[in-house]
Amino acid sequence: MGKLLAAALAAAALAGALALAYAVGAPPVVVLGTAAGVVGLLWLMVLLTVPWNLYFRAHSVLAEIAISRGKGLEVSGKRDAEAARIARTTLRWAVAGHVVTAGLLVALTAATGNAAGYWFAGFFLVSTFFRPAGAYFTQLRRRLGVLLKDVTHPRDDVVELRRQVAHLHAGTRALEEKAEEQYRTVSELRRSVDALGVSVFARADEADRRIAARGASSSPPSTA
């Protein structure tokens, strides 16, 4: 809606400018030639956008259907037929628009005798290949982008995976060193506990011997 309004305002401004030029005394041939050139340019823009956009959109739908089916999704065959039919129709309309416009220009040129019309007719015929050529190079650029992504992303993934593995290896090594340190600490503690146990048992035996010696020395001598 915004584009249509802008086009309408531009056309109104152009018509006003041409009317003003005619009012101030510009030659009618110049005014009509300018008006015809502007109208032809606007019509060329319509031919290069509306039907060709629909045509390439239909082919995009067909490509998306193929990708969906490649991923195992079920897509009705009617979708293919409808999109292909739209593609054929819009292609015919696009080519016919260029050819018919060129034919009208040739007829108008033959009637008026202005040889410049033949150049415009030839330009409209050549412009038929503008959008397909642009779409072809756009597709090539998109395909190269996909190929570059396929080539670089696995490489980047491998580098990232190696970095993560190295990080995990360093973490595992640190845990192993801490485990060894804890094991040495537990071993030292166990040896200390064993030494303490031996010392306690030795002192207990020594205490038992002293108690037994004192009991033996304090007991009265036996009489015969």
C-alpha atoms as a PDB file:
ATOM      1  CA  MET A   1       0.000   0.000   0.000  1.00  0.00           C
ATOM      2  CA  GLY A   2       2.821   2.392   0.814  1.00  0.00           C
ATOM      3  CA  LYS A   3       4.601   1.664  -2.486  1.00  0.00           C
ATOM      4  CA  LEU A   4       1.405   2.246  -4.482  1.00  0.00           C
ATOM      5  CA  LEU A   5       0.829   5.544  -2.726  1.00  0.00           C
ATOM      6  CA  ALA A   6       4.417   6.620  -3.373  1.00  0.00           C
ATOM      7  CA  ALA A   7       4.087   5.675  -7.058  1.00  0.00           C
ATOM      8  CA  ALA A   8       0.818   7.606  -7.328  1.00  0.00           C
ATOM      9  CA  LEU A   9       2.374  10.676  -5.730  1.00  0.00           C
ATOM     10  CA  ALA A  10       5.390  10.431  -8.049  1.00  0.00           C
ATOM     11  CA  ALA A  11       3.138  10.140 -11.099  1.00  0.00           C
ATOM     12  CA  ALA A  12       1.067  13.114  -9.957  1.00  0.00           C
ATOM     13  CA  ALA A  13       4.202  15.175  -9.378  1.00  0.00           C
ATOM     14  CA  LEU A  14       5.517  14.231 -12.808  1.00  0.00           C
ATOM     15  CA  ALA A  15       2.244  15.118 -14.491  1.00  0.00           C
ATOM     16  CA  GLY A  16       2.247  18.452 -12.722  1.00  0.00           C
ATOM     17  CA  ALA A  17       5.825  19.128 -13.787  1.00  0.00           C
ATOM     18  CA  LEU A  18       5.045  18.313 -17.426  1.00  0.00           C
ATOM     19  CA  ALA A  19       1.943  20.469 -17.369  1.00  0.00           C
ATOM     20  CA  LEU A  20       3.950  23.337 -15.911  1.00  0.00           C
ATOM     21  CA  ALA A  21       6.647  22.882 -18.572  1.00  0.00           C
ATOM     22  CA  TYR A  22       4.006  22.984 -21.298  1.00  0.00           C
ATOM     23  CA  ALA A  23       2.416  26.030 -19.711  1.00  0.00           C
ATOM     24  CA  VAL A  24       5.658  27.993 -19.677  1.00  0.00           C
ATOM     25  CA  GLY A  25       6.167  27.392 -23.383  1.00  0.00           C
ATOM     26  CA  ALA A  26       8.108  24.124 -23.692  1.00  0.00           C
ATOM     27  CA  PRO A  27       7.716  22.504 -27.140  1.00  0.00           C
ATOM     28  CA  PRO A  28       4.933  19.905 -27.180  1.00  0.00           C
ATOM     29  CA  VAL A  29       7.251  17.366 -28.795  1.00  0.00           C
ATOM     30  CA  VAL A  30       9.677  17.627 -25.883  1.00  0.00           C
ATOM     31  CA  VAL A  31       6.893  17.399 -23.311  1.00  0.00           C
ATOM     32  CA  LEU A  32       5.294  14.378 -24.994  1.00  0.00           C
ATOM     33  CA  GLY A  33       8.661  12.698 -25.482  1.00  0.00           C
ATOM     34  CA  THR A  34       9.564  13.190 -21.853  1.00  0.00           C
ATOM     35  CA  ALA A  35       6.178  11.908 -20.737  1.00  0.00           C
ATOM     36  CA  ALA A  36       6.475   8.858 -22.990  1.00  0.00           C
ATOM     37  CA  GLY A  37       9.982   8.133 -21.704  1.00  0.00           C
ATOM     38  CA  VAL A  38       8.888   8.344 -18.075  1.00  0.00           C
ATOM     39  CA  VAL A  39       5.821   6.192 -18.687  1.00  0.00           C
ATOM     40  CA  GLY A  40       7.993   3.655 -20.496  1.00  0.00           C
ATOM     41  CA  LEU A  41      10.446   3.595 -17.598  1.00  0.00           C
ATOM     42  CA  LEU A  42       7.645   3.057 -15.080  1.00  0.00           C
ATOM     43  CA  TRP A  43       6.176   0.288 -17.229  1.00  0.00           C
ATOM     44  CA  LEU A  44       9.593  -1.353 -17.488  1.00  0.00           C
ATOM     45  CA  MET A  45       9.886  -1.306 -13.706  1.00  0.00           C
ATOM     46  CA  VAL A  46       6.492  -3.016 -13.473  1.00  0.00           C
ATOM     47  CA  LEU A  47       7.527  -5.657 -16.006  1.00  0.00           C
ATOM     48  CA  LEU A  48      10.783  -6.339 -14.167  1.00  0.00           C
ATOM     49  CA  THR A  49       9.168  -6.678 -10.749  1.00  0.00           C
ATOM     50  CA  VAL A  50       5.600  -7.976 -10.613  1.00  0.00           C
ATOM     51  CA  PRO A  51       5.547 -11.051 -12.915  1.00  0.00           C
ATOM     52  CA  TRP A  52       9.182 -11.991 -12.351  1.00  0.00           C
ATOM     53  CA  ASN A  53       8.818 -11.787  -8.565  1.00  0.00           C
ATOM     54  CA  LEU A  54       5.884 -14.188  -8.731  1.00  0.00           C
ATOM     55  CA  TYR A  55       7.808 -16.508 -11.034  1.00  0.00           C
ATOM     56  CA  PHE A  56      10.858 -16.728  -8.792  1.00  0.00           C
ATOM     57  CA  ARG A  57       8.643 -17.022  -5.715  1.00  0.00           C
ATOM     58  CA  ALA A  58       6.940 -20.043  -7.249  1.00  0.00           C
ATOM     59  CA  HIS A  59      10.336 -21.651  -7.904  1.00  0.00           C
ATOM     60  CA  SER A  60      11.330 -20.938  -4.299  1.00  0.00           C
ATOM     61  CA  VAL A  61       8.215 -22.800  -3.174  1.00  0.00           C
ATOM     62  CA  LEU A  62       9.183 -25.766  -5.370  1.00  0.00           C
ATOM     63  CA  ALA A  63      12.683 -25.750  -3.894  1.00  0.00           C
ATOM     64  CA  GLU A  64      11.308 -25.652  -0.344  1.00  0.00           C
ATOM     65  CA  ILE A  65       8.991 -28.563  -1.141  1.00  0.00           C
ATOM     66  CA  ALA A  66      11.968 -30.590  -2.368  1.00  0.00           C
ATOM     67  CA  ILE A  67      13.936 -29.772   0.799  1.00  0.00           C
ATOM     68  CA  SER A  68      10.982 -30.761   3.003  1.00  0.00           C
ATOM     69  CA  ARG A  69      10.629 -34.070   1.227  1.00  0.00           C
ATOM     70  CA  GLY A  70      14.350 -34.652   1.500  1.00  0.00           C
ATOM     71  CA  LYS A  71      13.979 -34.342   5.278  1.00  0.00           C
ATOM     72  CA  GLY A  72      11.209 -36.922   5.327  1.00  0.00           C
ATOM     73  CA  LEU A  73       8.208 -34.583   5.508  1.00  0.00           C
ATOM     74  CA  GLU A  74       5.087 -35.475   3.560  1.00  0.00           C
ATOM     75  CA  VAL A  75       3.973 -32.808   1.089  1.00  0.00           C
ATOM     76  CA  SER A  76       0.992 -33.288  -1.160  1.00  0.00           C
ATOM     77  CA  GLY A  77       1.696 -33.568  -4.876  1.00  0.00           C
ATOM     78  CA  LYS A  78      -0.941 -30.926  -5.499  1.00  0.00           C
ATOM     79  CA  ARG A  79       1.418 -28.342  -4.049  1.00  0.00           C
ATOM     80  CA  ASP A  80       4.014 -29.107  -6.712  1.00  0.00           C
ATOM     81  CA  ALA A  81       1.467 -28.942  -9.490  1.00  0.00           C
ATOM     82  CA  GLU A  82       0.025 -25.653  -8.276  1.00  0.00           C
ATOM     83  CA  ALA A  83       3.416 -23.994  -7.816  1.00  0.00           C
ATOM     84  CA  ALA A  84       4.617 -25.248 -11.224  1.00  0.00           C
ATOM     85  CA  ARG A  85       1.439 -23.952 -12.859  1.00  0.00           C
ATOM     86  CA  ILE A  86       1.928 -20.521 -11.276  1.00  0.00           C
ATOM     87  CA  ALA A  87       5.550 -20.494 -12.401  1.00  0.00           C
ATOM     88  CA  ARG A  88       4.606 -21.272 -16.002  1.00  0.00           C
ATOM     89  CA  THR A  89       1.819 -18.694 -16.053  1.00  0.00           C
ATOM     90  CA  THR A  90       3.897 -15.892 -14.575  1.00  0.00           C
ATOM     91  CA  LEU A  91       6.792 -16.686 -16.928  1.00  0.00           C
ATOM     92  CA  ARG A  92       4.464 -16.395 -19.926  1.00  0.00           C
ATOM     93  CA  TRP A  93       3.076 -13.124 -18.629  1.00  0.00           C
ATOM     94  CA  ALA A  94       6.557 -11.729 -17.993  1.00  0.00           C
ATOM     95  CA  VAL A  95       7.926 -12.622 -21.431  1.00  0.00           C
ATOM     96  CA  ALA A  96       4.701 -11.585 -23.159  1.00  0.00           C
ATOM     97  CA  GLY A  97       4.825  -8.206 -21.423  1.00  0.00           C
ATOM     98  CA  HIS A  98       8.262  -7.476 -22.861  1.00  0.00           C
ATOM     99  CA  VAL A  99       7.440  -8.801 -26.335  1.00  0.00           C
ATOM    100  CA  VAL A 100       4.067  -7.037 -26.605  1.00  0.00           C
ATOM    101  CA  THR A 101       5.550  -3.759 -25.378  1.00  0.00           C
ATOM    102  CA  ALA A 102       8.350  -4.002 -27.929  1.00  0.00           C
ATOM    103  CA  GLY A 103       5.797  -4.763 -30.667  1.00  0.00           C
ATOM    104  CA  LEU A 104       3.690  -1.761 -29.721  1.00  0.00           C
ATOM    105  CA  LEU A 105       6.775   0.464 -29.800  1.00  0.00           C
ATOM    106  CA  VAL A 106       7.700  -0.842 -33.247  1.00  0.00           C
ATOM    107  CA  ALA A 107       4.191  -0.162 -34.515  1.00  0.00           C
ATOM    108  CA  LEU A 108       4.178   3.312 -32.969  1.00  0.00           C
ATOM    109  CA  THR A 109       7.588   4.057 -34.441  1.00  0.00           C
ATOM    110  CA  ALA A 110       6.497   2.913 -37.882  1.00  0.00           C
ATOM    111  CA  ALA A 111       3.456   5.164 -37.645  1.00  0.00           C
ATOM    112  CA  THR A 112       5.316   8.251 -36.432  1.00  0.00           C
ATOM    113  CA  GLY A 113       8.562   7.757 -38.295  1.00  0.00           C
ATOM    114  CA  ASN A 114      10.726   8.419 -35.219  1.00  0.00           C
ATOM    115  CA  ALA A 115      13.623   5.977 -35.441  1.00  0.00           C
ATOM    116  CA  ALA A 116      14.372   6.273 -31.732  1.00  0.00           C
ATOM    117  CA  GLY A 117      11.388   4.037 -31.038  1.00  0.00           C
ATOM    118  CA  TYR A 118      13.245   1.063 -32.501  1.00  0.00           C
ATOM    119  CA  TRP A 119      15.972   1.487 -29.910  1.00  0.00           C
ATOM    120  CA  PHE A 120      13.365   1.509 -27.152  1.00  0.00           C
ATOM    121  CA  ALA A 121      11.749  -1.608 -28.618  1.00  0.00           C
ATOM    122  CA  GLY A 122      15.088  -3.367 -28.698  1.00  0.00           C
ATOM    123  CA  PHE A 123      15.762  -2.291 -25.128  1.00  0.00           C
ATOM    124  CA  PHE A 124      12.457  -3.800 -23.970  1.00  0.00           C
ATOM    125  CA  LEU A 125      13.326  -7.056 -25.725  1.00  0.00           C
ATOM    126  CA  VAL A 126      16.801  -7.194 -24.197  1.00  0.00           C
ATOM    127  CA  SER A 127      15.397  -6.342 -20.756  1.00  0.00           C
ATOM    128  CA  THR A 128      13.581  -9.682 -20.845  1.00  0.00           C
ATOM    129  CA  PHE A 129      16.872 -11.275 -19.785  1.00  0.00           C
ATOM    130  CA  PHE A 130      17.657  -8.789 -17.005  1.00  0.00           C
ATOM    131  CA  ARG A 131      15.807 -10.531 -14.204  1.00  0.00           C
ATOM    132  CA  PRO A 132      16.772 -14.117 -15.176  1.00  0.00           C
ATOM    133  CA  ALA A 133      20.419 -13.071 -15.404  1.00  0.00           C
ATOM    134  CA  GLY A 134      20.239 -11.280 -12.060  1.00  0.00           C
ATOM    135  CA  ALA A 135      18.479 -14.271 -10.489  1.00  0.00           C
ATOM    136  CA  TYR A 136      21.118 -16.610 -11.917  1.00  0.00           C
ATOM    137  CA  PHE A 137      23.982 -14.660 -10.385  1.00  0.00           C
ATOM    138  CA  THR A 138      22.062 -14.339  -7.121  1.00  0.00           C
ATOM    139  CA  GLN A 139      21.594 -18.109  -7.087  1.00  0.00           C
ATOM    140  CA  LEU A 140      25.301 -18.597  -7.765  1.00  0.00           C
ATOM    141  CA  ARG A 141      26.181 -16.315  -4.880  1.00  0.00           C
ATOM    142  CA  ARG A 142      23.752 -18.131  -2.584  1.00  0.00           C
ATOM    143  CA  ARG A 143      25.149 -21.495  -3.665  1.00  0.00           C
ATOM    144  CA  LEU A 144      28.698 -20.340  -3.031  1.00  0.00           C
ATOM    145  CA  GLY A 145      27.594 -19.183   0.412  1.00  0.00           C
ATOM    146  CA  VAL A 146      26.147 -22.640   1.122  1.00  0.00           C
ATOM    147  CA  LEU A 147      29.335 -24.325  -0.105  1.00  0.00           C
ATOM    148  CA  LEU A 148      31.464 -22.019   2.023  1.00  0.00           C
ATOM    149  CA  LYS A 149      29.308 -22.807   5.035  1.00  0.00           C
ATOM    150  CA  ASP A 150      29.584 -26.547   4.389  1.00  0.00           C
ATOM    151  CA  VAL A 151      33.363 -26.272   4.069  1.00  0.00           C
ATOM    152  CA  THR A 152      34.097 -23.982   7.013  1.00  0.00           C
ATOM    153  CA  HIS A 153      31.501 -24.967   9.604  1.00  0.00           C
ATOM    154  CA  PRO A 154      32.693 -28.573  10.050  1.00  0.00           C
ATOM    155  CA  ARG A 155      36.215 -27.212  10.353  1.00  0.00           C
ATOM    156  CA  ASP A 156      35.121 -24.686  12.945  1.00  0.00           C
ATOM    157  CA  ASP A 157      33.186 -27.412  14.759  1.00  0.00           C
ATOM    158  CA  VAL A 158      36.272 -29.623  14.845  1.00  0.00           C
ATOM    159  CA  VAL A 159      38.382 -26.780  16.215  1.00  0.00           C
ATOM    160  CA  GLU A 160      35.770 -26.035  18.844  1.00  0.00           C
ATOM    161  CA  LEU A 161      35.491 -29.726  19.711  1.00  0.00           C
ATOM    162  CA  ARG A 162      39.248 -29.989  20.101  1.00  0.00           C
ATOM    163  CA  ARG A 163      39.267 -26.959  22.346  1.00  0.00           C
ATOM    164  CA  GLN A 164      36.538 -28.471  24.509  1.00  0.00           C
ATOM    165  CA  VAL A 165      38.367 -31.808  24.658  1.00  0.00           C
ATOM    166  CA  ALA A 166      41.580 -30.044  25.669  1.00  0.00           C
ATOM    167  CA  HIS A 167      39.654 -28.158  28.347  1.00  0.00           C
ATOM    168  CA  LEU A 168      38.107 -31.374  29.633  1.00  0.00           C
ATOM    169  CA  HIS A 169      41.496 -33.086  29.590  1.00  0.00           C
ATOM    170  CA  ALA A 170      43.008 -30.249  31.615  1.00  0.00           C
ATOM    171  CA  GLY A 171      40.118 -30.450  34.077  1.00  0.00           C
ATOM    172  CA  THR A 172      40.486 -34.213  34.352  1.00  0.00           C
ATOM    173  CA  ARG A 173      44.219 -33.855  34.944  1.00  0.00           C
ATOM    174  CA  ALA A 174      43.587 -31.313  37.683  1.00  0.00           C
ATOM    175  CA  LEU A 175      41.067 -33.647  39.317  1.00  0.00           C
ATOM    176  CA  GLU A 176      43.547 -36.526  39.121  1.00  0.00           C
ATOM    177  CA  GLU A 177      46.244 -34.403  40.775  1.00  0.00           C
ATOM    178  CA  LYS A 178      43.838 -33.392  43.531  1.00  0.00           C
ATOM    179  CA  ALA A 179      42.795 -37.028  43.980  1.00  0.00           C
ATOM    180  CA  GLU A 180      46.442 -38.070  44.279  1.00  0.00           C
ATOM    181  CA  GLU A 181      47.031 -35.307  46.797  1.00  0.00           C
ATOM    182  CA  GLN A 182      44.009 -36.401  48.802  1.00  0.00           C
ATOM    183  CA  TYR A 183      45.205 -39.999  48.638  1.00  0.00           C
ATOM    184  CA  ARG A 184      48.632 -38.994  49.964  1.00  0.00           C
ATOM    185  CA  THR A 185      46.961 -36.996  52.724  1.00  0.00           C
ATOM    186  CA  VAL A 186      44.739 -39.953  53.653  1.00  0.00           C
ATOM    187  CA  SER A 187      47.798 -42.259  53.623  1.00  0.00           C
ATOM    188  CA  GLU A 188      49.698 -39.903  55.929  1.00  0.00           C
ATOM    189  CA  LEU A 189      46.691 -39.678  58.194  1.00  0.00           C
ATOM    190  CA  ARG A 190      46.353 -43.461  58.229  1.00  0.00           C
ATOM    191  CA  ARG A 191      50.015 -43.889  59.104  1.00  0.00           C
ATOM    192  CA  SER A 192      49.613 -41.313  61.875  1.00  0.00           C
ATOM    193  CA  VAL A 193      46.568 -43.159  63.201  1.00  0.00           C
ATOM    194  CA  ASP A 194      48.435 -46.468  63.067  1.00  0.00           C
ATOM    195  CA  ALA A 195      51.417 -44.971  64.880  1.00  0.00           C
ATOM    196  CA  LEU A 196      49.107 -43.459  67.470  1.00  0.00           C
ATOM    197  CA  GLY A 197      47.371 -46.835  67.920  1.00  0.00           C
ATOM    198  CA  VAL A 198      50.722 -48.588  68.404  1.00  0.00           C
ATOM    199  CA  SER A 199      51.756 -45.959  70.915  1.00  0.00           C
ATOM    200  CA  VAL A 200      48.459 -46.257  72.796  1.00  0.00           C
ATOM    201  CA  PHE A 201      48.728 -50.062  72.916  1.00  0.00           C
ATOM    202  CA  ALA A 202      52.323 -49.838  74.080  1.00  0.00           C
ATOM    203  CA  ARG A 203      51.389 -47.432  76.848  1.00  0.00           C
ATOM    204  CA  ALA A 204      48.456 -49.621  77.816  1.00  0.00           C
ATOM    205  CA  ASP A 205      50.757 -52.667  78.048  1.00  0.00           C
ATOM    206  CA  GLU A 206      53.236 -50.665  80.080  1.00  0.00           C
ATOM    207  CA  ALA A 207      50.471 -49.544  82.404  1.00  0.00           C
ATOM    208  CA  ASP A 208      49.231 -53.116  82.800  1.00  0.00           C
ATOM    209  CA  ARG A 209      52.736 -54.301  83.676  1.00  0.00           C
ATOM    210  CA  ARG A 210      53.162 -51.569  86.252  1.00  0.00           C
ATOM    211  CA  ILE A 211      49.798 -52.337  87.813  1.00  0.00           C
ATOM    212  CA  ALA A 212      50.650 -56.034  87.905  1.00  0.00           C
ATOM    213  CA  ALA A 213      54.072 -55.302  89.450  1.00  0.00           C
ATOM    214  CA  ARG A 214      52.541 -53.118  92.129  1.00  0.00           C
ATOM    215  CA  GLY A 215      49.926 -55.754  92.905  1.00  0.00           C
ATOM    216  CA  ALA A 216      52.564 -58.383  93.249  1.00  0.00           C
ATOM    217  CA  SER A 217      54.715 -56.236  95.562  1.00  0.00           C
ATOM    218  CA  SER A 218      51.823 -55.268  97.823  1.00  0.00           C
ATOM    219  CA  SER A 219      50.403 -58.780  98.348  1.00  0.00           C
ATOM    220  CA  PRO A 220      51.357 -60.413 101.820  1.00  0.00           C
ATOM    221  CA  PRO A 221      53.834 -63.272 101.817  1.00  0.00           C
ATOM    222  CA  SER A 222      52.302 -66.706 102.060  1.00  0.00           C
ATOM    223  CA  THR A 223      52.860 -68.823 105.291  1.00  0.00           C
ATOM    224  CA  ALA A 224      53.784 -72.490 105.259  1.00  0.00           C
END
